[in-house]
Amino acid sequence: MKLVTFTHNNETRVGAVIGNHVVDSKNNGLIPTNMIAFLSAGTAALVAMQQQIDSGEHRIALQDVKLQAPVPRPGKFLGVGLNYADHIDETGLEKPEYPTFFTKQSSCVIGDGEAIQLPNVSDKLDYEGELAFVIGKRCKHVPVEQAHAVIAGFTIVNDVTVRDWQFRTPTWTIGKSFDTHGPMGPWLVTADEISDPHNLDLKTWVDEEKRQDSNTQHMIFNCYELIAYLSQAMTLEPGDVISTGTPSGVGVKMKPRGYLKTGQTVRIEIAGLGTLSNPVIDEPSN
């Protein structure tokens, strides 16, 4: 199931994409209107959505809706640094002993097609194509072998980074959290549709130039290991988003630097998850 948060006629709610249409949940009291509440409702909400799909009714043309990020304001939005062997090779850094987590503030989240802003305080704007998973069950102390059961689904994230601001502090938070620097989408593909999240081709283009071409099998800490490690410290909740790191090919390691410029478009494709595409514009003066 491809779950979406979408806006139609100025109303935002949860739906599912079937072909070129969105299955609308409007007026279905069994389907919560926001994604965190939907995921929190568990199997009951999924069953109600499947029934809505099976009815063949309540459909809106995909071109007539505005897709938002699947989880527009996640309670937690975490990234992982240095989690691909090829990316570590290009940085010249050592392989980490433990996962390196950082926070992206949820106010940076935007959806497919929305514009990434080139900030007026920096020209060192970079892209990072990443697989992300979304938590579906409240959990803590999750064993690796059970971690798959707490994942609601998978989506694409562009971990947009302002490089000079990133390295001003060791926590990276500000450089990872500028407004519009958390593109996510286009939808949330439920976990039952992804047989192996650790064998998915991942590609990133800037305009028509392919910059990243890898596979999630090269992650150092896989999705389940990340959940097991993180949940030792904190309770994970429905709608929490964990982005799993980026492979080699980021702009900061190109010669000359391949930083993003106004007018360019970043397009990320992950097998089975679709394509996330966002143009780059100047930050508005106001």
C-alpha atoms as a PDB file:
ATOM      1  CA  MET A   1       0.000   0.000   0.000  1.00  0.00           C
ATOM      2  CA  LYS A   2       1.264   3.488  -0.900  1.00  0.00           C
ATOM      3  CA  LEU A   3       0.030   5.768   1.856  1.00  0.00           C
ATOM      4  CA  VAL A   4       0.008   9.518   1.299  1.00  0.00           C
ATOM      5  CA  THR A   5      -0.786  12.737   3.049  1.00  0.00           C
ATOM      6  CA  PHE A   6      -2.471  14.944   0.468  1.00  0.00           C
ATOM      7  CA  THR A   7      -4.339  18.207   0.139  1.00  0.00           C
ATOM      8  CA  HIS A   8      -7.467  18.602  -1.986  1.00  0.00           C
ATOM      9  CA  ASN A   9      -9.767  21.633  -1.964  1.00  0.00           C
ATOM     10  CA  ASN A  10      -7.798  23.062   0.967  1.00  0.00           C
ATOM     11  CA  GLU A  11      -8.332  19.958   3.126  1.00  0.00           C
ATOM     12  CA  THR A  12      -5.418  17.721   4.121  1.00  0.00           C
ATOM     13  CA  ARG A  13      -5.895  14.062   4.994  1.00  0.00           C
ATOM     14  CA  VAL A  14      -4.532  10.533   4.528  1.00  0.00           C
ATOM     15  CA  GLY A  15      -5.130   8.445   1.413  1.00  0.00           C
ATOM     16  CA  ALA A  16      -3.599   5.708  -0.716  1.00  0.00           C
ATOM     17  CA  VAL A  17      -2.251   5.853  -4.254  1.00  0.00           C
ATOM     18  CA  ILE A  18      -3.580   3.366  -6.790  1.00  0.00           C
ATOM     19  CA  GLY A  19      -2.231   3.957 -10.284  1.00  0.00           C
ATOM     20  CA  ASN A  20      -2.937   7.555 -11.224  1.00  0.00           C
ATOM     21  CA  HIS A  21      -5.494   8.111  -8.486  1.00  0.00           C
ATOM     22  CA  VAL A  22      -5.632   8.789  -4.773  1.00  0.00           C
ATOM     23  CA  VAL A  23      -8.133   6.770  -2.776  1.00  0.00           C
ATOM     24  CA  ASP A  24      -9.809   9.405  -0.632  1.00  0.00           C
ATOM     25  CA  SER A  25     -10.523   8.763   3.036  1.00  0.00           C
ATOM     26  CA  LYS A  26     -12.865  11.729   3.450  1.00  0.00           C
ATOM     27  CA  ASN A  27     -15.969  10.993   5.511  1.00  0.00           C
ATOM     28  CA  ASN A  28     -14.649   7.561   6.525  1.00  0.00           C
ATOM     29  CA  GLY A  29     -14.720   7.716  10.299  1.00  0.00           C
ATOM     30  CA  LEU A  30     -12.534   4.622  10.580  1.00  0.00           C
ATOM     31  CA  ILE A  31      -9.572   6.321   8.881  1.00  0.00           C
ATOM     32  CA  PRO A  32      -7.774   9.070  10.861  1.00  0.00           C
ATOM     33  CA  THR A  33      -7.038  12.224   8.901  1.00  0.00           C
ATOM     34  CA  ASN A  34      -3.349  12.597   9.799  1.00  0.00           C
ATOM     35  CA  MET A  35      -0.576  10.070   9.292  1.00  0.00           C
ATOM     36  CA  ILE A  36       0.643   9.813  12.889  1.00  0.00           C
ATOM     37  CA  ALA A  37      -2.890   9.068  14.107  1.00  0.00           C
ATOM     38  CA  PHE A  38      -3.344   6.638  11.213  1.00  0.00           C
ATOM     39  CA  LEU A  39      -0.200   4.699  12.111  1.00  0.00           C
ATOM     40  CA  SER A  40      -1.094   4.785  15.790  1.00  0.00           C
ATOM     41  CA  ALA A  41      -4.432   3.136  14.965  1.00  0.00           C
ATOM     42  CA  GLY A  42      -2.527   0.123  13.636  1.00  0.00           C
ATOM     43  CA  THR A  43      -4.247  -2.753  11.868  1.00  0.00           C
ATOM     44  CA  ALA A  44      -7.725  -1.251  12.168  1.00  0.00           C
ATOM     45  CA  ALA A  45      -6.779   1.776  10.071  1.00  0.00           C
ATOM     46  CA  LEU A  46      -4.984  -0.347   7.482  1.00  0.00           C
ATOM     47  CA  VAL A  47      -7.993  -2.649   7.151  1.00  0.00           C
ATOM     48  CA  ALA A  48     -10.312   0.347   6.746  1.00  0.00           C
ATOM     49  CA  MET A  49      -8.052   1.816   4.061  1.00  0.00           C
ATOM     50  CA  GLN A  50      -7.906  -1.508   2.221  1.00  0.00           C
ATOM     51  CA  GLN A  51     -11.692  -1.678   2.274  1.00  0.00           C
ATOM     52  CA  GLN A  52     -11.803   1.851   0.856  1.00  0.00           C
ATOM     53  CA  ILE A  53      -9.437   0.741  -1.906  1.00  0.00           C
ATOM     54  CA  ASP A  54     -11.415  -2.413  -2.639  1.00  0.00           C
ATOM     55  CA  SER A  55     -14.644  -0.451  -3.007  1.00  0.00           C
ATOM     56  CA  GLY A  56     -13.287   1.143  -6.183  1.00  0.00           C
ATOM     57  CA  GLU A  57     -14.892   4.424  -5.144  1.00  0.00           C
ATOM     58  CA  HIS A  58     -13.824   7.723  -3.587  1.00  0.00           C
ATOM     59  CA  ARG A  59     -10.969   8.346  -6.027  1.00  0.00           C
ATOM     60  CA  ILE A  60      -9.347  11.596  -7.069  1.00  0.00           C
ATOM     61  CA  ALA A  61      -6.951  12.005  -9.988  1.00  0.00           C
ATOM     62  CA  LEU A  62      -3.397  12.205  -8.668  1.00  0.00           C
ATOM     63  CA  GLN A  63      -2.791  15.318 -10.763  1.00  0.00           C
ATOM     64  CA  ASP A  64      -5.612  17.098  -8.926  1.00  0.00           C
ATOM     65  CA  VAL A  65      -4.120  16.752  -5.433  1.00  0.00           C
ATOM     66  CA  LYS A  66      -1.075  18.183  -3.711  1.00  0.00           C
ATOM     67  CA  LEU A  67       1.069  15.499  -2.118  1.00  0.00           C
ATOM     68  CA  GLN A  68       2.546  16.544   1.209  1.00  0.00           C
ATOM     69  CA  ALA A  69       5.360  14.719   2.955  1.00  0.00           C
ATOM     70  CA  PRO A  70       3.933  11.362   4.118  1.00  0.00           C
ATOM     71  CA  VAL A  71       4.622  12.397   7.735  1.00  0.00           C
ATOM     72  CA  PRO A  72       4.511  16.202   7.588  1.00  0.00           C
ATOM     73  CA  ARG A  73       5.615  16.760  11.205  1.00  0.00           C
ATOM     74  CA  PRO A  74       7.230  13.637  12.659  1.00  0.00           C
ATOM     75  CA  GLY A  75       7.704  13.547  16.405  1.00  0.00           C
ATOM     76  CA  LYS A  76      11.309  12.492  15.827  1.00  0.00           C
ATOM     77  CA  PHE A  77      13.246  13.009  12.601  1.00  0.00           C
ATOM     78  CA  LEU A  78      16.648  11.368  12.936  1.00  0.00           C
ATOM     79  CA  GLY A  79      19.463  10.841  10.493  1.00  0.00           C
ATOM     80  CA  VAL A  80      22.509   8.605  10.551  1.00  0.00           C
ATOM     81  CA  GLY A  81      25.961   9.810   9.591  1.00  0.00           C
ATOM     82  CA  LEU A  82      28.616   7.714   7.866  1.00  0.00           C
ATOM     83  CA  ASN A  83      26.464   4.641   7.315  1.00  0.00           C
ATOM     84  CA  TYR A  84      27.633   3.570   3.846  1.00  0.00           C
ATOM     85  CA  ALA A  85      31.029   2.008   3.239  1.00  0.00           C
ATOM     86  CA  ASP A  86      31.520   3.886  -0.048  1.00  0.00           C
ATOM     87  CA  HIS A  87      30.633   7.219   1.589  1.00  0.00           C
ATOM     88  CA  ILE A  88      33.166   6.567   4.364  1.00  0.00           C
ATOM     89  CA  ASP A  89      35.773   5.835   1.704  1.00  0.00           C
ATOM     90  CA  GLU A  90      35.172   9.178  -0.016  1.00  0.00           C
ATOM     91  CA  THR A  91      35.347  11.091   3.285  1.00  0.00           C
ATOM     92  CA  GLY A  92      38.555   9.400   4.418  1.00  0.00           C
ATOM     93  CA  LEU A  93      37.082   8.885   7.886  1.00  0.00           C
ATOM     94  CA  GLU A  94      37.141   5.705   9.940  1.00  0.00           C
ATOM     95  CA  LYS A  95      34.251   3.260  10.090  1.00  0.00           C
ATOM     96  CA  PRO A  96      32.203   4.087  13.213  1.00  0.00           C
ATOM     97  CA  GLU A  97      31.924   1.554  16.004  1.00  0.00           C
ATOM     98  CA  TYR A  98      28.374   2.682  16.790  1.00  0.00           C
ATOM     99  CA  PRO A  99      25.695   4.434  14.700  1.00  0.00           C
ATOM    100  CA  THR A 100      26.087   8.211  14.608  1.00  0.00           C
ATOM    101  CA  PHE A 101      22.616   9.708  15.026  1.00  0.00           C
ATOM    102  CA  PHE A 102      21.691  13.368  14.613  1.00  0.00           C
ATOM    103  CA  THR A 103      18.430  15.290  14.698  1.00  0.00           C
ATOM    104  CA  LYS A 104      16.769  17.113  11.841  1.00  0.00           C
ATOM    105  CA  GLN A 105      14.117  19.491  13.167  1.00  0.00           C
ATOM    106  CA  SER A 106      10.654  18.567  11.887  1.00  0.00           C
ATOM    107  CA  SER A 107      10.059  22.121  10.631  1.00  0.00           C
ATOM    108  CA  CYS A 108      12.445  21.354   7.750  1.00  0.00           C
ATOM    109  CA  VAL A 109      10.112  18.740   6.215  1.00  0.00           C
ATOM    110  CA  ILE A 110       8.628  19.337   2.757  1.00  0.00           C
ATOM    111  CA  GLY A 111       7.002  17.042   0.206  1.00  0.00           C
ATOM    112  CA  ASP A 112       7.680  15.922  -3.331  1.00  0.00           C
ATOM    113  CA  GLY A 113       7.782  18.825  -5.788  1.00  0.00           C
ATOM    114  CA  GLU A 114       8.234  21.504  -3.141  1.00  0.00           C
ATOM    115  CA  ALA A 115      11.229  23.800  -3.430  1.00  0.00           C
ATOM    116  CA  ILE A 116      14.489  23.466  -1.521  1.00  0.00           C
ATOM    117  CA  GLN A 117      15.676  26.934  -0.566  1.00  0.00           C
ATOM    118  CA  LEU A 118      19.277  27.984  -1.112  1.00  0.00           C
ATOM    119  CA  PRO A 119      19.834  29.931   2.132  1.00  0.00           C
ATOM    120  CA  ASN A 120      20.964  33.528   1.971  1.00  0.00           C
ATOM    121  CA  VAL A 121      23.670  32.792   4.570  1.00  0.00           C
ATOM    122  CA  SER A 122      25.501  30.058   2.641  1.00  0.00           C
ATOM    123  CA  ASP A 123      26.203  28.760  -0.860  1.00  0.00           C
ATOM    124  CA  LYS A 124      27.357  25.335   0.362  1.00  0.00           C
ATOM    125  CA  LEU A 125      24.061  23.519  -0.139  1.00  0.00           C
ATOM    126  CA  ASP A 126      24.343  19.755  -0.570  1.00  0.00           C
ATOM    127  CA  TYR A 127      22.040  16.781  -1.235  1.00  0.00           C
ATOM    128  CA  GLU A 128      22.013  13.307   0.325  1.00  0.00           C
ATOM    129  CA  GLY A 129      19.722  10.654  -1.154  1.00  0.00           C
ATOM    130  CA  GLU A 130      18.572   8.253   1.566  1.00  0.00           C
ATOM    131  CA  LEU A 131      16.249   5.392   2.436  1.00  0.00           C
ATOM    132  CA  ALA A 132      14.095   6.201   5.458  1.00  0.00           C
ATOM    133  CA  PHE A 133      11.822   4.028   7.549  1.00  0.00           C
ATOM    134  CA  VAL A 134       8.836   5.131   9.617  1.00  0.00           C
ATOM    135  CA  ILE A 135       7.982   3.608  12.973  1.00  0.00           C
ATOM    136  CA  GLY A 136       4.522   2.064  13.256  1.00  0.00           C
ATOM    137  CA  LYS A 137       4.400   0.885  16.860  1.00  0.00           C
ATOM    138  CA  ARG A 138       5.376   2.425  20.182  1.00  0.00           C
ATOM    139  CA  CYS A 139       8.377   0.417  21.315  1.00  0.00           C
ATOM    140  CA  LYS A 140      11.537   0.260  23.398  1.00  0.00           C
ATOM    141  CA  HIS A 141      14.361  -2.266  23.821  1.00  0.00           C
ATOM    142  CA  VAL A 142      13.566  -3.922  20.499  1.00  0.00           C
ATOM    143  CA  PRO A 143      15.738  -6.963  19.651  1.00  0.00           C
ATOM    144  CA  VAL A 144      17.263  -6.934  16.179  1.00  0.00           C
ATOM    145  CA  GLU A 145      15.321 -10.043  15.176  1.00  0.00           C
ATOM    146  CA  GLN A 146      12.004  -8.353  16.038  1.00  0.00           C
ATOM    147  CA  ALA A 147      12.759  -4.883  14.694  1.00  0.00           C
ATOM    148  CA  HIS A 148      11.041  -5.483  11.345  1.00  0.00           C
ATOM    149  CA  ALA A 149       7.711  -5.700  13.192  1.00  0.00           C
ATOM    150  CA  VAL A 150       7.810  -2.071  14.365  1.00  0.00           C
ATOM    151  CA  ILE A 151       8.382  -0.568  10.914  1.00  0.00           C
ATOM    152  CA  ALA A 152       5.230   0.827   9.293  1.00  0.00           C
ATOM    153  CA  GLY A 153       6.885   1.450   5.946  1.00  0.00           C
ATOM    154  CA  PHE A 154       9.620   3.065   3.898  1.00  0.00           C
ATOM    155  CA  THR A 155      10.044   6.331   2.056  1.00  0.00           C
ATOM    156  CA  ILE A 156      12.713   8.501   0.421  1.00  0.00           C
ATOM    157  CA  VAL A 157      14.440  11.380   2.200  1.00  0.00           C
ATOM    158  CA  ASN A 158      16.810  14.003   0.868  1.00  0.00           C
ATOM    159  CA  ASP A 159      18.988  14.881   3.857  1.00  0.00           C
ATOM    160  CA  VAL A 160      19.745  18.356   2.525  1.00  0.00           C
ATOM    161  CA  THR A 161      22.737  19.830   4.334  1.00  0.00           C
ATOM    162  CA  VAL A 162      24.331  23.267   4.612  1.00  0.00           C
ATOM    163  CA  ARG A 163      27.923  22.079   4.865  1.00  0.00           C
ATOM    164  CA  ASP A 164      29.625  25.058   6.497  1.00  0.00           C
ATOM    165  CA  TRP A 165      26.883  25.312   9.122  1.00  0.00           C
ATOM    166  CA  GLN A 166      26.973  21.532   9.651  1.00  0.00           C
ATOM    167  CA  PHE A 167      30.603  21.580  10.718  1.00  0.00           C
ATOM    168  CA  ARG A 168      30.400  24.630  12.971  1.00  0.00           C
ATOM    169  CA  THR A 169      29.325  22.294  15.789  1.00  0.00           C
ATOM    170  CA  PRO A 170      29.837  18.550  16.347  1.00  0.00           C
ATOM    171  CA  THR A 171      26.095  17.877  16.671  1.00  0.00           C
ATOM    172  CA  TRP A 172      25.344  18.930  13.029  1.00  0.00           C
ATOM    173  CA  THR A 173      21.758  19.856  14.011  1.00  0.00           C
ATOM    174  CA  ILE A 174      21.558  23.394  12.624  1.00  0.00           C
ATOM    175  CA  GLY A 175      23.296  22.552   9.351  1.00  0.00           C
ATOM    176  CA  LYS A 176      20.824  19.704   8.842  1.00  0.00           C
ATOM    177  CA  SER A 177      17.678  21.612   9.814  1.00  0.00           C
ATOM    178  CA  PHE A 178      17.304  24.732   7.665  1.00  0.00           C
ATOM    179  CA  ASP A 179      13.745  25.321   6.513  1.00  0.00           C
ATOM    180  CA  THR A 180      12.829  23.155   3.457  1.00  0.00           C
ATOM    181  CA  HIS A 181      15.890  20.932   3.944  1.00  0.00           C
ATOM    182  CA  GLY A 182      13.975  17.739   4.730  1.00  0.00           C
ATOM    183  CA  PRO A 183      12.267  16.618   1.500  1.00  0.00           C
ATOM    184  CA  MET A 184      10.362  13.375   2.070  1.00  0.00           C
ATOM    185  CA  GLY A 185       8.118  11.246  -0.131  1.00  0.00           C
ATOM    186  CA  PRO A 186       6.421  10.905  -2.442  1.00  0.00           C
ATOM    187  CA  TRP A 187       4.583   8.335  -0.305  1.00  0.00           C
ATOM    188  CA  LEU A 188       5.023   5.795   2.466  1.00  0.00           C
ATOM    189  CA  VAL A 189       5.228   2.258   1.073  1.00  0.00           C
ATOM    190  CA  THR A 190       4.026  -0.181   3.720  1.00  0.00           C
ATOM    191  CA  ALA A 191       6.589  -2.678   4.952  1.00  0.00           C
ATOM    192  CA  ASP A 192       4.743  -5.705   3.544  1.00  0.00           C
ATOM    193  CA  GLU A 193       5.514  -4.469   0.006  1.00  0.00           C
ATOM    194  CA  ILE A 194       9.297  -4.303   0.532  1.00  0.00           C
ATOM    195  CA  SER A 195      10.639  -7.837   0.804  1.00  0.00           C
ATOM    196  CA  ASP A 196      14.206  -6.741   1.582  1.00  0.00           C
ATOM    197  CA  PRO A 197      14.937  -3.107   2.477  1.00  0.00           C
ATOM    198  CA  HIS A 198      18.629  -3.956   2.458  1.00  0.00           C
ATOM    199  CA  ASN A 199      18.835  -4.642  -1.263  1.00  0.00           C
ATOM    200  CA  LEU A 200      17.347  -1.579  -2.946  1.00  0.00           C
ATOM    201  CA  ASP A 201      19.039   0.406  -5.695  1.00  0.00           C
ATOM    202  CA  LEU A 202      19.414   4.089  -4.784  1.00  0.00           C
ATOM    203  CA  LYS A 203      20.191   6.788  -7.349  1.00  0.00           C
ATOM    204  CA  THR A 204      20.381  10.575  -7.166  1.00  0.00           C
ATOM    205  CA  TRP A 205      20.444  13.027 -10.053  1.00  0.00           C
ATOM    206  CA  VAL A 206      21.099  16.758 -10.092  1.00  0.00           C
ATOM    207  CA  ASP A 207      19.310  17.857 -13.234  1.00  0.00           C
ATOM    208  CA  GLU A 208      20.328  15.076 -15.645  1.00  0.00           C
ATOM    209  CA  GLU A 209      23.701  14.296 -14.043  1.00  0.00           C
ATOM    210  CA  LYS A 210      23.720  11.107 -11.986  1.00  0.00           C
ATOM    211  CA  ARG A 211      25.567  11.859  -8.763  1.00  0.00           C
ATOM    212  CA  GLN A 212      24.796   8.809  -6.577  1.00  0.00           C
ATOM    213  CA  ASP A 213      24.381   5.189  -7.669  1.00  0.00           C
ATOM    214  CA  SER A 214      24.462   2.600  -4.901  1.00  0.00           C
ATOM    215  CA  ASN A 215      22.427  -0.021  -3.088  1.00  0.00           C
ATOM    216  CA  THR A 216      21.164  -0.221   0.486  1.00  0.00           C
ATOM    217  CA  GLN A 217      23.109  -3.466   0.936  1.00  0.00           C
ATOM    218  CA  HIS A 218      26.157  -1.260   1.527  1.00  0.00           C
ATOM    219  CA  MET A 219      24.780   0.169   4.782  1.00  0.00           C
ATOM    220  CA  ILE A 220      27.062  -0.515   7.745  1.00  0.00           C
ATOM    221  CA  PHE A 221      24.200  -0.581  10.255  1.00  0.00           C
ATOM    222  CA  ASN A 222      20.992  -1.866   8.691  1.00  0.00           C
ATOM    223  CA  CYS A 223      17.480  -0.709   9.539  1.00  0.00           C
ATOM    224  CA  TYR A 224      16.917  -3.377  12.176  1.00  0.00           C
ATOM    225  CA  GLU A 225      20.243  -2.736  13.884  1.00  0.00           C
ATOM    226  CA  LEU A 226      19.486   0.989  13.986  1.00  0.00           C
ATOM    227  CA  ILE A 227      16.154   0.322  15.687  1.00  0.00           C
ATOM    228  CA  ALA A 228      17.709  -2.050  18.218  1.00  0.00           C
ATOM    229  CA  TYR A 229      20.448   0.432  19.088  1.00  0.00           C
ATOM    230  CA  LEU A 230      18.257   3.531  19.231  1.00  0.00           C
ATOM    231  CA  SER A 231      15.461   1.896  21.218  1.00  0.00           C
ATOM    232  CA  GLN A 232      17.848   1.072  24.037  1.00  0.00           C
ATOM    233  CA  ALA A 233      17.897   4.790  24.791  1.00  0.00           C
ATOM    234  CA  MET A 234      14.502   6.155  23.803  1.00  0.00           C
ATOM    235  CA  THR A 235      10.949   5.084  23.171  1.00  0.00           C
ATOM    236  CA  LEU A 236      10.142   5.070  19.464  1.00  0.00           C
ATOM    237  CA  GLU A 237       6.642   6.142  18.507  1.00  0.00           C
ATOM    238  CA  PRO A 238       4.363   5.890  15.470  1.00  0.00           C
ATOM    239  CA  GLY A 239       5.362   8.412  12.846  1.00  0.00           C
ATOM    240  CA  ASP A 240       8.989   8.745  13.935  1.00  0.00           C
ATOM    241  CA  VAL A 241      11.201   8.949  10.843  1.00  0.00           C
ATOM    242  CA  ILE A 242      14.725   7.538  10.745  1.00  0.00           C
ATOM    243  CA  SER A 243      16.759   8.272   7.625  1.00  0.00           C
ATOM    244  CA  THR A 244      19.483   5.696   7.192  1.00  0.00           C
ATOM    245  CA  GLY A 245      22.412   7.601   5.702  1.00  0.00           C
ATOM    246  CA  THR A 246      23.707   8.373   2.243  1.00  0.00           C
ATOM    247  CA  PRO A 247      26.108   6.608  -0.136  1.00  0.00           C
ATOM    248  CA  SER A 248      29.031   8.191  -1.967  1.00  0.00           C
ATOM    249  CA  GLY A 249      28.570  10.925  -4.533  1.00  0.00           C
ATOM    250  CA  VAL A 250      27.645  13.924  -2.385  1.00  0.00           C
ATOM    251  CA  GLY A 251      28.502  17.350  -3.725  1.00  0.00           C
ATOM    252  CA  VAL A 252      31.019  18.281  -1.041  1.00  0.00           C
ATOM    253  CA  LYS A 253      33.352  15.475  -2.190  1.00  0.00           C
ATOM    254  CA  MET A 254      33.280  16.349  -5.889  1.00  0.00           C
ATOM    255  CA  LYS A 255      36.145  18.200  -7.570  1.00  0.00           C
ATOM    256  CA  PRO A 256      35.172  20.933  -8.138  1.00  0.00           C
ATOM    257  CA  ARG A 257      32.495  20.964  -5.408  1.00  0.00           C
ATOM    258  CA  GLY A 258      29.071  19.957  -6.649  1.00  0.00           C
ATOM    259  CA  TYR A 259      26.969  22.174  -4.415  1.00  0.00           C
ATOM    260  CA  LEU A 260      23.393  22.859  -5.440  1.00  0.00           C
ATOM    261  CA  LYS A 261      22.531  26.012  -7.342  1.00  0.00           C
ATOM    262  CA  THR A 262      19.311  27.891  -7.900  1.00  0.00           C
ATOM    263  CA  GLY A 263      17.406  26.486 -10.863  1.00  0.00           C
ATOM    264  CA  GLN A 264      18.654  22.929 -10.445  1.00  0.00           C
ATOM    265  CA  THR A 265      16.444  19.952  -9.543  1.00  0.00           C
ATOM    266  CA  VAL A 266      17.417  17.063  -7.268  1.00  0.00           C
ATOM    267  CA  ARG A 267      15.799  13.731  -8.105  1.00  0.00           C
ATOM    268  CA  ILE A 268      16.201  10.631  -5.913  1.00  0.00           C
ATOM    269  CA  GLU A 269      14.964   7.208  -6.946  1.00  0.00           C
ATOM    270  CA  ILE A 270      14.870   4.108  -4.746  1.00  0.00           C
ATOM    271  CA  ALA A 271      13.665   0.802  -6.168  1.00  0.00           C
ATOM    272  CA  GLY A 272      10.106   0.070  -5.059  1.00  0.00           C
ATOM    273  CA  LEU A 273       9.645   3.469  -3.432  1.00  0.00           C
ATOM    274  CA  GLY A 274       9.280   5.795  -6.399  1.00  0.00           C
ATOM    275  CA  THR A 275      10.963   9.136  -7.051  1.00  0.00           C
ATOM    276  CA  LEU A 276      11.392  12.223  -4.886  1.00  0.00           C
ATOM    277  CA  SER A 277      12.025  15.375  -6.905  1.00  0.00           C
ATOM    278  CA  ASN A 278      12.584  18.929  -5.651  1.00  0.00           C
ATOM    279  CA  PRO A 279      13.704  22.123  -7.406  1.00  0.00           C
ATOM    280  CA  VAL A 280      16.163  24.553  -5.855  1.00  0.00           C
ATOM    281  CA  ILE A 281      15.250  28.220  -5.425  1.00  0.00           C
ATOM    282  CA  ASP A 282      16.708  31.217  -3.620  1.00  0.00           C
ATOM    283  CA  GLU A 283      15.486  31.722  -0.081  1.00  0.00           C
ATOM    284  CA  PRO A 284      12.744  34.354  -0.238  1.00  0.00           C
ATOM    285  CA  SER A 285      13.861  37.753   1.006  1.00  0.00           C
ATOM    286  CA  ASN A 286      10.983  37.921   3.494  1.00  0.00           C
END
